[in-house]
Amino acid sequence: MSKPAARKKANLLEPINSRAVALEVIKQSAIAFFVVGIIQGVVGIFLWPTMLFDAVLYVVLGLALLYLRSRIVALLLLLLSGAALVMTVMNSAGITVGGSNVFVALVVCGAALRAVEATFKLHGRFAHEPDEGYLDQLAPTTELTQTKSILTPLEWVLLALALLLLLVLPVVIVLLIG
């Protein structure tokens, strides 16, 4: 079999018309949420400690999206980014106090929408398509009877620690504020 042509990376605005594009959009969205979470965490440490909760949510859900490719995780990210957009608009209007960069909030919300679209298409329309290059890697005598775990044991431990942090952080914030 010949080696498939190298595919260019999909961007967040490209139509999701294949499994490979859906996987790439999920990956890019997850990285975007991870980066937003890190930035919010750094800002939260120095300016607004209440931002740390959002930061942890973005990081944990971004990692979960990257590894699990879950529709539920994508919807949770959409809810979180939608709430952040509403709060940012309220901050800009002077109703509440906090960050007022509506453009960034819109970009994050758009990434969440794309993640939702990609995960639903990945588990729906493209669920039975093989991953790009997967068939080329198989030897003619190899059977597809073995199943591979979604996460490695180390990734399961990291996910469990992140979820534990997600459960413990609200208690720490309440103790620090109260």
N, C-alpha and C. Protein backbone atom coordinates (compact mmCIF):
# COMPACT_ATOMS: atom_id res chain seq x y z
N MET A 1 0.84 -1.18 0.00
CA MET A 1 0.00 0.00 0.00
C MET A 1 0.87 1.24 0.00
N SER A 2 0.44 2.23 -0.67
CA SER A 2 1.20 3.47 -0.71
C SER A 2 0.86 4.33 0.50
N LYS A 3 1.80 5.14 0.85
CA LYS A 3 1.63 6.03 1.99
C LYS A 3 0.69 7.17 1.59
N PRO A 4 -0.30 7.53 2.48
CA PRO A 4 -1.23 8.59 2.12
C PRO A 4 -0.51 9.95 2.10
N ALA A 5 -1.04 10.85 1.30
CA ALA A 5 -0.46 12.20 1.22
C ALA A 5 -0.65 12.90 2.55
N ALA A 6 0.33 13.69 2.93
CA ALA A 6 0.26 14.40 4.20
C ALA A 6 -0.87 15.42 4.14
N ARG A 7 -1.70 15.40 5.18
CA ARG A 7 -2.83 16.30 5.23
C ARG A 7 -2.44 17.55 5.98
N LYS A 8 -2.85 18.70 5.46
CA LYS A 8 -2.55 19.94 6.17
C LYS A 8 -3.44 20.03 7.41
N LYS A 9 -2.98 20.78 8.39
CA LYS A 9 -3.74 20.92 9.62
C LYS A 9 -5.02 21.70 9.35
N ALA A 10 -6.09 21.24 9.98
CA ALA A 10 -7.36 21.94 9.86
C ALA A 10 -7.33 23.17 10.77
N ASN A 11 -8.08 24.19 10.37
CA ASN A 11 -8.19 25.34 11.26
C ASN A 11 -9.58 25.34 11.88
N LEU A 12 -9.77 26.19 12.86
CA LEU A 12 -11.04 26.19 13.58
C LEU A 12 -12.21 26.64 12.72
N LEU A 13 -11.96 27.28 11.59
CA LEU A 13 -13.04 27.77 10.75
C LEU A 13 -13.36 26.87 9.57
N GLU A 14 -12.54 25.85 9.34
CA GLU A 14 -12.76 24.93 8.22
C GLU A 14 -14.01 24.08 8.49
N PRO A 15 -14.81 23.83 7.43
CA PRO A 15 -15.98 22.97 7.62
C PRO A 15 -15.54 21.58 8.09
N ILE A 16 -16.31 21.01 9.00
CA ILE A 16 -16.00 19.68 9.52
C ILE A 16 -16.68 18.67 8.62
N ASN A 17 -15.91 18.15 7.66
CA ASN A 17 -16.49 17.24 6.68
C ASN A 17 -15.81 15.87 6.65
N SER A 18 -14.99 15.59 7.66
CA SER A 18 -14.38 14.26 7.76
C SER A 18 -13.99 14.00 9.21
N ARG A 19 -13.70 12.76 9.49
CA ARG A 19 -13.29 12.37 10.83
C ARG A 19 -11.96 13.04 11.21
N ALA A 20 -11.05 13.12 10.25
CA ALA A 20 -9.74 13.72 10.52
C ALA A 20 -9.88 15.20 10.89
N VAL A 21 -10.75 15.91 10.19
CA VAL A 21 -10.96 17.33 10.50
C VAL A 21 -11.62 17.46 11.87
N ALA A 22 -12.58 16.60 12.17
CA ALA A 22 -13.25 16.65 13.47
C ALA A 22 -12.24 16.41 14.60
N LEU A 23 -11.36 15.44 14.43
CA LEU A 23 -10.35 15.17 15.45
C LEU A 23 -9.39 16.35 15.62
N GLU A 24 -9.02 16.98 14.52
CA GLU A 24 -8.12 18.13 14.58
C GLU A 24 -8.79 19.32 15.26
N VAL A 25 -10.06 19.56 14.96
CA VAL A 25 -10.79 20.67 15.60
C VAL A 25 -10.93 20.41 17.09
N ILE A 26 -11.19 19.18 17.48
CA ILE A 26 -11.28 18.85 18.91
C ILE A 26 -9.93 19.11 19.58
N LYS A 27 -8.86 18.69 18.94
CA LYS A 27 -7.52 18.90 19.50
C LYS A 27 -7.21 20.38 19.65
N GLN A 28 -7.47 21.16 18.61
CA GLN A 28 -7.18 22.59 18.67
C GLN A 28 -8.05 23.30 19.69
N SER A 29 -9.32 22.92 19.79
CA SER A 29 -10.20 23.52 20.79
C SER A 29 -9.73 23.19 22.20
N ALA A 30 -9.35 21.95 22.42
CA ALA A 30 -8.88 21.54 23.73
C ALA A 30 -7.63 22.31 24.14
N ILE A 31 -6.72 22.47 23.20
CA ILE A 31 -5.50 23.25 23.48
C ILE A 31 -5.85 24.70 23.78
N ALA A 32 -6.82 25.25 23.06
CA ALA A 32 -7.24 26.63 23.30
C ALA A 32 -7.81 26.78 24.71
N PHE A 33 -8.63 25.84 25.14
CA PHE A 33 -9.19 25.91 26.49
C PHE A 33 -8.11 25.73 27.55
N PHE A 34 -7.17 24.86 27.28
CA PHE A 34 -6.06 24.66 28.21
C PHE A 34 -5.27 25.96 28.37
N VAL A 35 -4.98 26.62 27.25
CA VAL A 35 -4.22 27.89 27.29
C VAL A 35 -5.02 28.98 28.01
N VAL A 36 -6.32 29.08 27.70
CA VAL A 36 -7.16 30.08 28.37
C VAL A 36 -7.18 29.81 29.88
N GLY A 37 -7.27 28.55 30.25
CA GLY A 37 -7.26 28.20 31.68
C GLY A 37 -5.95 28.59 32.36
N ILE A 38 -4.84 28.34 31.69
CA ILE A 38 -3.54 28.72 32.25
C ILE A 38 -3.43 30.24 32.41
N ILE A 39 -3.86 30.97 31.39
CA ILE A 39 -3.80 32.44 31.46
C ILE A 39 -4.70 32.94 32.58
N GLN A 40 -5.90 32.40 32.67
CA GLN A 40 -6.80 32.82 33.75
C GLN A 40 -6.24 32.46 35.11
N GLY A 41 -5.57 31.34 35.20
CA GLY A 41 -4.97 30.94 36.47
C GLY A 41 -3.88 31.91 36.91
N VAL A 42 -3.04 32.30 35.97
CA VAL A 42 -1.97 33.25 36.29
C VAL A 42 -2.56 34.60 36.69
N VAL A 43 -3.55 35.07 35.93
CA VAL A 43 -4.20 36.35 36.27
C VAL A 43 -4.91 36.23 37.62
N GLY A 44 -5.54 35.08 37.84
CA GLY A 44 -6.26 34.86 39.09
C GLY A 44 -5.35 34.87 40.31
N ILE A 45 -4.17 34.34 40.16
CA ILE A 45 -3.23 34.32 41.29
C ILE A 45 -2.87 35.74 41.70
N PHE A 46 -2.66 36.62 40.72
CA PHE A 46 -2.18 37.96 41.02
C PHE A 46 -3.28 39.01 41.20
N LEU A 47 -4.42 38.86 40.52
CA LEU A 47 -5.44 39.90 40.56
C LEU A 47 -6.74 39.48 41.24
N TRP A 48 -7.39 38.47 40.70
CA TRP A 48 -8.69 38.04 41.20
C TRP A 48 -8.66 36.55 41.52
N PRO A 49 -8.49 36.19 42.79
CA PRO A 49 -8.43 34.76 43.16
C PRO A 49 -9.68 33.97 42.79
N THR A 50 -10.81 34.65 42.62
CA THR A 50 -12.03 33.93 42.25
C THR A 50 -11.96 33.38 40.82
N MET A 51 -11.03 33.90 40.01
CA MET A 51 -10.85 33.40 38.64
C MET A 51 -10.21 32.02 38.63
N LEU A 52 -9.62 31.61 39.74
CA LEU A 52 -8.93 30.32 39.78
C LEU A 52 -9.90 29.16 39.54
N PHE A 53 -11.12 29.30 40.01
CA PHE A 53 -12.09 28.23 39.80
C PHE A 53 -12.38 28.05 38.31
N ASP A 54 -12.61 29.16 37.61
CA ASP A 54 -12.82 29.09 36.16
C ASP A 54 -11.59 28.52 35.45
N ALA A 55 -10.42 28.93 35.92
CA ALA A 55 -9.18 28.46 35.30
C ALA A 55 -9.05 26.95 35.41
N VAL A 56 -9.32 26.43 36.60
CA VAL A 56 -9.24 24.98 36.80
C VAL A 56 -10.27 24.26 35.94
N LEU A 57 -11.47 24.82 35.85
CA LEU A 57 -12.50 24.21 35.01
C LEU A 57 -12.07 24.17 33.54
N TYR A 58 -11.52 25.27 33.05
CA TYR A 58 -11.07 25.30 31.66
C TYR A 58 -9.95 24.28 31.41
N VAL A 59 -9.00 24.20 32.32
CA VAL A 59 -7.88 23.27 32.14
C VAL A 59 -8.36 21.83 32.20
N VAL A 60 -9.13 21.50 33.23
CA VAL A 60 -9.60 20.11 33.39
C VAL A 60 -10.51 19.70 32.24
N LEU A 61 -11.46 20.56 31.89
CA LEU A 61 -12.36 20.22 30.79
C LEU A 61 -11.65 20.21 29.44
N GLY A 62 -10.67 21.08 29.27
CA GLY A 62 -9.88 21.06 28.04
C GLY A 62 -9.11 19.76 27.88
N LEU A 63 -8.49 19.31 28.98
CA LEU A 63 -7.77 18.03 28.94
C LEU A 63 -8.74 16.87 28.72
N ALA A 64 -9.89 16.93 29.38
CA ALA A 64 -10.89 15.88 29.19
C ALA A 64 -11.37 15.84 27.74
N LEU A 65 -11.56 17.01 27.15
CA LEU A 65 -11.97 17.06 25.74
C LEU A 65 -10.90 16.46 24.84
N LEU A 66 -9.65 16.78 25.12
CA LEU A 66 -8.54 16.27 24.31
C LEU A 66 -8.47 14.75 24.35
N TYR A 67 -8.61 14.17 25.53
CA TYR A 67 -8.42 12.73 25.65
C TYR A 67 -9.70 11.91 25.49
N LEU A 68 -10.82 12.45 25.92
CA LEU A 68 -12.06 11.68 25.87
C LEU A 68 -12.90 11.95 24.62
N ARG A 69 -12.72 13.14 24.04
CA ARG A 69 -13.50 13.54 22.86
C ARG A 69 -14.99 13.41 23.12
N SER A 70 -15.40 13.83 24.29
CA SER A 70 -16.76 13.63 24.77
C SER A 70 -17.68 14.77 24.39
N ARG A 71 -18.89 14.41 24.00
CA ARG A 71 -19.91 15.42 23.71
C ARG A 71 -20.33 16.14 24.97
N ILE A 72 -20.40 15.41 26.08
CA ILE A 72 -20.79 16.01 27.36
C ILE A 72 -19.76 17.05 27.79
N VAL A 73 -18.48 16.73 27.67
CA VAL A 73 -17.43 17.68 28.02
C VAL A 73 -17.52 18.91 27.13
N ALA A 74 -17.75 18.72 25.84
CA ALA A 74 -17.88 19.86 24.92
C ALA A 74 -19.07 20.74 25.31
N LEU A 75 -20.17 20.12 25.69
CA LEU A 75 -21.34 20.90 26.13
C LEU A 75 -21.06 21.64 27.43
N LEU A 76 -20.34 21.01 28.35
CA LEU A 76 -19.96 21.70 29.58
C LEU A 76 -19.07 22.91 29.29
N LEU A 77 -18.15 22.75 28.36
CA LEU A 77 -17.30 23.87 27.96
C LEU A 77 -18.13 24.98 27.31
N LEU A 78 -19.14 24.61 26.54
CA LEU A 78 -20.01 25.61 25.93
C LEU A 78 -20.79 26.36 27.00
N LEU A 79 -21.30 25.65 27.99
CA LEU A 79 -22.01 26.31 29.09
C LEU A 79 -21.09 27.25 29.87
N LEU A 80 -19.89 26.77 30.16
CA LEU A 80 -18.93 27.59 30.91
C LEU A 80 -18.53 28.83 30.12
N SER A 81 -18.23 28.66 28.84
CA SER A 81 -17.82 29.82 28.04
C SER A 81 -19.00 30.75 27.78
N GLY A 82 -20.20 30.21 27.67
CA GLY A 82 -21.39 31.06 27.52
C GLY A 82 -21.63 31.90 28.76
N ALA A 83 -21.48 31.28 29.93
CA ALA A 83 -21.62 32.03 31.19
C ALA A 83 -20.53 33.10 31.30
N ALA A 84 -19.31 32.75 30.87
CA ALA A 84 -18.22 33.73 30.90
C ALA A 84 -18.50 34.88 29.95
N LEU A 85 -19.10 34.59 28.80
CA LEU A 85 -19.45 35.65 27.85
C LEU A 85 -20.50 36.58 28.45
N VAL A 86 -21.51 36.02 29.09
CA VAL A 86 -22.54 36.84 29.73
C VAL A 86 -21.93 37.72 30.81
N MET A 87 -21.06 37.14 31.64
CA MET A 87 -20.42 37.93 32.71
C MET A 87 -19.52 39.01 32.13
N THR A 88 -18.84 38.71 31.05
CA THR A 88 -17.96 39.70 30.42
C THR A 88 -18.77 40.86 29.86
N VAL A 89 -19.90 40.57 29.24
CA VAL A 89 -20.77 41.64 28.73
C VAL A 89 -21.31 42.47 29.89
N MET A 90 -21.68 41.81 30.99
CA MET A 90 -22.15 42.53 32.17
C MET A 90 -21.04 43.40 32.76
N ASN A 91 -19.81 42.88 32.76
CA ASN A 91 -18.67 43.68 33.25
C ASN A 91 -18.45 44.89 32.35
N SER A 92 -18.57 44.71 31.05
CA SER A 92 -18.38 45.82 30.12
C SER A 92 -19.45 46.89 30.29
N ALA A 93 -20.65 46.46 30.63
CA ALA A 93 -21.76 47.40 30.82
C ALA A 93 -21.69 48.08 32.18
N GLY A 94 -20.79 47.64 33.05
CA GLY A 94 -20.67 48.25 34.37
C GLY A 94 -21.60 47.67 35.41
N ILE A 95 -22.30 46.61 35.08
CA ILE A 95 -23.23 45.99 36.03
C ILE A 95 -22.46 45.23 37.10
N THR A 96 -21.41 44.55 36.71
CA THR A 96 -20.56 43.82 37.64
C THR A 96 -19.11 44.25 37.43
N VAL A 97 -18.25 43.79 38.31
CA VAL A 97 -16.83 44.15 38.24
C VAL A 97 -16.04 42.93 37.80
N GLY A 98 -15.13 43.11 36.85
CA GLY A 98 -14.29 42.02 36.39
C GLY A 98 -13.76 42.32 35.00
N GLY A 99 -13.28 41.28 34.34
CA GLY A 99 -12.72 41.44 33.01
C GLY A 99 -13.77 41.89 32.01
N SER A 100 -13.35 42.66 31.02
CA SER A 100 -14.32 43.20 30.06
C SER A 100 -13.89 43.01 28.61
N ASN A 101 -13.06 42.01 28.34
CA ASN A 101 -12.62 41.76 26.98
C ASN A 101 -13.63 40.84 26.28
N VAL A 102 -14.62 41.48 25.66
CA VAL A 102 -15.70 40.73 25.02
C VAL A 102 -15.18 39.92 23.83
N PHE A 103 -14.19 40.44 23.12
CA PHE A 103 -13.65 39.74 21.96
C PHE A 103 -13.08 38.37 22.36
N VAL A 104 -12.30 38.35 23.42
CA VAL A 104 -11.72 37.07 23.89
C VAL A 104 -12.84 36.11 24.32
N ALA A 105 -13.84 36.63 25.01
CA ALA A 105 -14.96 35.79 25.44
C ALA A 105 -15.71 35.22 24.23
N LEU A 106 -15.86 36.03 23.18
CA LEU A 106 -16.51 35.54 21.96
C LEU A 106 -15.68 34.46 21.28
N VAL A 107 -14.37 34.63 21.24
CA VAL A 107 -13.49 33.63 20.63
C VAL A 107 -13.56 32.31 21.41
N VAL A 108 -13.54 32.40 22.73
CA VAL A 108 -13.61 31.19 23.56
C VAL A 108 -14.96 30.51 23.36
N CYS A 109 -16.03 31.29 23.29
CA CYS A 109 -17.35 30.72 23.07
C CYS A 109 -17.43 30.08 21.67
N GLY A 110 -16.81 30.70 20.69
CA GLY A 110 -16.77 30.12 19.34
C GLY A 110 -16.01 28.81 19.30
N ALA A 111 -14.90 28.74 20.04
CA ALA A 111 -14.15 27.49 20.12
C ALA A 111 -14.99 26.40 20.77
N ALA A 112 -15.78 26.77 21.75
CA ALA A 112 -16.66 25.79 22.40
C ALA A 112 -17.74 25.30 21.44
N LEU A 113 -18.29 26.21 20.64
CA LEU A 113 -19.29 25.81 19.64
C LEU A 113 -18.69 24.84 18.63
N ARG A 114 -17.48 25.12 18.17
CA ARG A 114 -16.81 24.23 17.22
C ARG A 114 -16.51 22.87 17.86
N ALA A 115 -16.15 22.87 19.14
CA ALA A 115 -15.88 21.61 19.84
C ALA A 115 -17.16 20.78 19.93
N VAL A 116 -18.27 21.43 20.21
CA VAL A 116 -19.56 20.72 20.26
C VAL A 116 -19.88 20.13 18.89
N GLU A 117 -19.75 20.94 17.85
CA GLU A 117 -20.02 20.46 16.50
C GLU A 117 -19.11 19.28 16.14
N ALA A 118 -17.83 19.41 16.45
CA ALA A 118 -16.87 18.36 16.10
C ALA A 118 -17.14 17.06 16.86
N THR A 119 -17.43 17.17 18.16
CA THR A 119 -17.67 15.94 18.93
C THR A 119 -18.96 15.25 18.50
N PHE A 120 -20.00 16.04 18.20
CA PHE A 120 -21.25 15.41 17.75
C PHE A 120 -21.07 14.76 16.38
N LYS A 121 -20.33 15.39 15.49
CA LYS A 121 -20.09 14.77 14.18
C LYS A 121 -19.17 13.56 14.31
N LEU A 122 -18.19 13.64 15.21
CA LEU A 122 -17.27 12.53 15.41
C LEU A 122 -18.00 11.29 15.90
N HIS A 123 -18.95 11.47 16.82
CA HIS A 123 -19.68 10.33 17.37
C HIS A 123 -20.93 10.00 16.57
N GLY A 124 -21.28 10.85 15.62
CA GLY A 124 -22.46 10.61 14.80
C GLY A 124 -22.09 10.21 13.39
N ARG A 125 -21.99 11.20 12.51
CA ARG A 125 -21.76 10.98 11.09
C ARG A 125 -20.45 10.24 10.80
N PHE A 126 -19.39 10.54 11.56
CA PHE A 126 -18.08 9.96 11.26
C PHE A 126 -17.69 8.84 12.23
N ALA A 127 -18.65 8.30 12.96
CA ALA A 127 -18.34 7.30 13.98
C ALA A 127 -17.75 6.03 13.39
N HIS A 128 -18.13 5.67 12.18
CA HIS A 128 -17.67 4.41 11.60
C HIS A 128 -16.53 4.57 10.60
N GLU A 129 -16.06 5.80 10.44
CA GLU A 129 -14.91 6.01 9.56
C GLU A 129 -13.63 5.66 10.32
N PRO A 130 -12.69 5.01 9.65
CA PRO A 130 -11.41 4.74 10.32
C PRO A 130 -10.60 6.01 10.41
N ASP A 131 -9.70 6.06 11.39
CA ASP A 131 -8.78 7.19 11.50
C ASP A 131 -7.90 7.22 10.27
N GLU A 132 -7.49 8.42 9.86
CA GLU A 132 -6.65 8.60 8.68
C GLU A 132 -5.33 7.85 8.86
N GLY A 133 -4.98 7.03 7.92
CA GLY A 133 -3.72 6.29 7.99
C GLY A 133 -3.82 5.00 8.78
N TYR A 134 -4.96 4.74 9.42
CA TYR A 134 -5.09 3.56 10.26
C TYR A 134 -5.02 2.28 9.44
N LEU A 135 -5.69 2.27 8.30
CA LEU A 135 -5.70 1.06 7.47
C LEU A 135 -4.32 0.77 6.89
N ASP A 136 -3.53 1.80 6.63
CA ASP A 136 -2.18 1.60 6.10
C ASP A 136 -1.25 0.97 7.12
N GLN A 137 -1.55 1.19 8.40
CA GLN A 137 -0.69 0.65 9.45
C GLN A 137 -0.95 -0.83 9.70
N LEU A 138 -2.10 -1.32 9.30
CA LEU A 138 -2.45 -2.71 9.55
C LEU A 138 -1.74 -3.64 8.57
N ALA A 139 -1.22 -4.73 9.11
CA ALA A 139 -0.67 -5.76 8.24
C ALA A 139 -1.85 -6.55 7.68
N PRO A 140 -1.69 -7.20 6.52
CA PRO A 140 -2.82 -7.94 5.93
C PRO A 140 -3.36 -9.04 6.84
N THR A 141 -2.54 -9.61 7.71
CA THR A 141 -3.00 -10.70 8.55
C THR A 141 -3.47 -10.23 9.93
N THR A 142 -3.34 -8.96 10.23
CA THR A 142 -3.75 -8.46 11.53
C THR A 142 -5.26 -8.38 11.61
N GLU A 143 -5.79 -8.86 12.73
CA GLU A 143 -7.23 -8.80 12.93
C GLU A 143 -7.55 -7.64 13.85
N LEU A 144 -8.76 -7.14 13.76
CA LEU A 144 -9.18 -6.01 14.55
C LEU A 144 -9.92 -6.44 15.82
N THR A 145 -9.59 -7.58 16.38
CA THR A 145 -10.32 -8.08 17.54
C THR A 145 -9.86 -7.45 18.84
N GLN A 146 -8.65 -6.95 18.91
CA GLN A 146 -8.17 -6.36 20.14
C GLN A 146 -8.64 -4.92 20.23
N THR A 147 -9.08 -4.53 21.44
CA THR A 147 -9.48 -3.15 21.65
C THR A 147 -8.43 -2.46 22.49
N LYS A 148 -8.23 -1.19 22.21
CA LYS A 148 -7.23 -0.41 22.91
C LYS A 148 -7.95 0.55 23.84
N SER A 149 -7.44 0.71 25.04
CA SER A 149 -8.01 1.64 26.00
C SER A 149 -7.85 3.06 25.49
N ILE A 150 -8.82 3.91 25.81
CA ILE A 150 -8.78 5.30 25.38
C ILE A 150 -7.62 6.02 26.06
N LEU A 151 -7.40 5.75 27.34
CA LEU A 151 -6.36 6.42 28.10
C LEU A 151 -5.35 5.41 28.64
N THR A 152 -4.12 5.85 28.76
CA THR A 152 -3.10 5.02 29.40
C THR A 152 -3.28 5.12 30.91
N PRO A 153 -2.68 4.21 31.67
CA PRO A 153 -2.81 4.29 33.13
C PRO A 153 -2.34 5.62 33.71
N LEU A 154 -1.27 6.19 33.16
CA LEU A 154 -0.80 7.49 33.64
C LEU A 154 -1.83 8.58 33.37
N GLU A 155 -2.45 8.54 32.20
CA GLU A 155 -3.47 9.53 31.88
C GLU A 155 -4.69 9.38 32.78
N TRP A 156 -5.06 8.15 33.15
CA TRP A 156 -6.16 7.94 34.09
C TRP A 156 -5.83 8.55 35.45
N VAL A 157 -4.59 8.37 35.90
CA VAL A 157 -4.17 8.93 37.19
C VAL A 157 -4.20 10.46 37.13
N LEU A 158 -3.69 11.04 36.04
CA LEU A 158 -3.71 12.50 35.90
C LEU A 158 -5.14 13.03 35.84
N LEU A 159 -6.02 12.34 35.15
CA LEU A 159 -7.42 12.74 35.08
C LEU A 159 -8.07 12.66 36.46
N ALA A 160 -7.77 11.60 37.21
CA ALA A 160 -8.32 11.47 38.56
C ALA A 160 -7.81 12.58 39.48
N LEU A 161 -6.52 12.92 39.36
CA LEU A 161 -5.97 14.02 40.16
C LEU A 161 -6.60 15.35 39.78
N ALA A 162 -6.82 15.56 38.48
CA ALA A 162 -7.45 16.81 38.04
C ALA A 162 -8.88 16.90 38.56
N LEU A 163 -9.61 15.81 38.52
CA LEU A 163 -10.98 15.81 39.05
C LEU A 163 -10.99 16.02 40.56
N LEU A 164 -10.03 15.43 41.26
CA LEU A 164 -9.92 15.65 42.69
C LEU A 164 -9.64 17.11 42.99
N LEU A 165 -8.75 17.72 42.21
CA LEU A 165 -8.46 19.14 42.35
C LEU A 165 -9.71 19.97 42.09
N LEU A 166 -10.49 19.57 41.11
CA LEU A 166 -11.73 20.26 40.78
C LEU A 166 -12.71 20.20 41.96
N LEU A 167 -12.71 19.11 42.69
CA LEU A 167 -13.60 18.98 43.84
C LEU A 167 -13.08 19.72 45.06
N VAL A 168 -11.76 19.78 45.23
CA VAL A 168 -11.16 20.39 46.40
C VAL A 168 -11.05 21.90 46.27
N LEU A 169 -10.83 22.41 45.06
CA LEU A 169 -10.60 23.83 44.86
C LEU A 169 -11.75 24.71 45.36
N PRO A 170 -13.03 24.37 45.12
CA PRO A 170 -14.10 25.23 45.65
C PRO A 170 -14.05 25.35 47.18
N VAL A 171 -13.71 24.27 47.85
CA VAL A 171 -13.61 24.32 49.31
C VAL A 171 -12.49 25.25 49.73
N VAL A 172 -11.34 25.19 49.06
CA VAL A 172 -10.21 26.04 49.38
C VAL A 172 -10.58 27.50 49.13
N ILE A 173 -11.25 27.79 48.02
CA ILE A 173 -11.64 29.17 47.70
C ILE A 173 -12.61 29.69 48.75
N VAL A 174 -13.58 28.89 49.14
CA VAL A 174 -14.54 29.32 50.17
C VAL A 174 -13.84 29.59 51.49
N LEU A 175 -12.87 28.75 51.84
CA LEU A 175 -12.12 28.97 53.09
C LEU A 175 -11.27 30.23 53.00
N LEU A 176 -10.69 30.52 51.83
CA LEU A 176 -9.88 31.73 51.68
C LEU A 176 -10.72 33.00 51.68
N ILE A 177 -11.87 32.94 51.06
CA ILE A 177 -12.74 34.13 50.99
C ILE A 177 -13.46 34.36 52.31
N GLY A 178 -13.97 33.27 52.89
CA GLY A 178 -14.78 33.38 54.11
C GLY A 178 -14.00 33.46 55.32
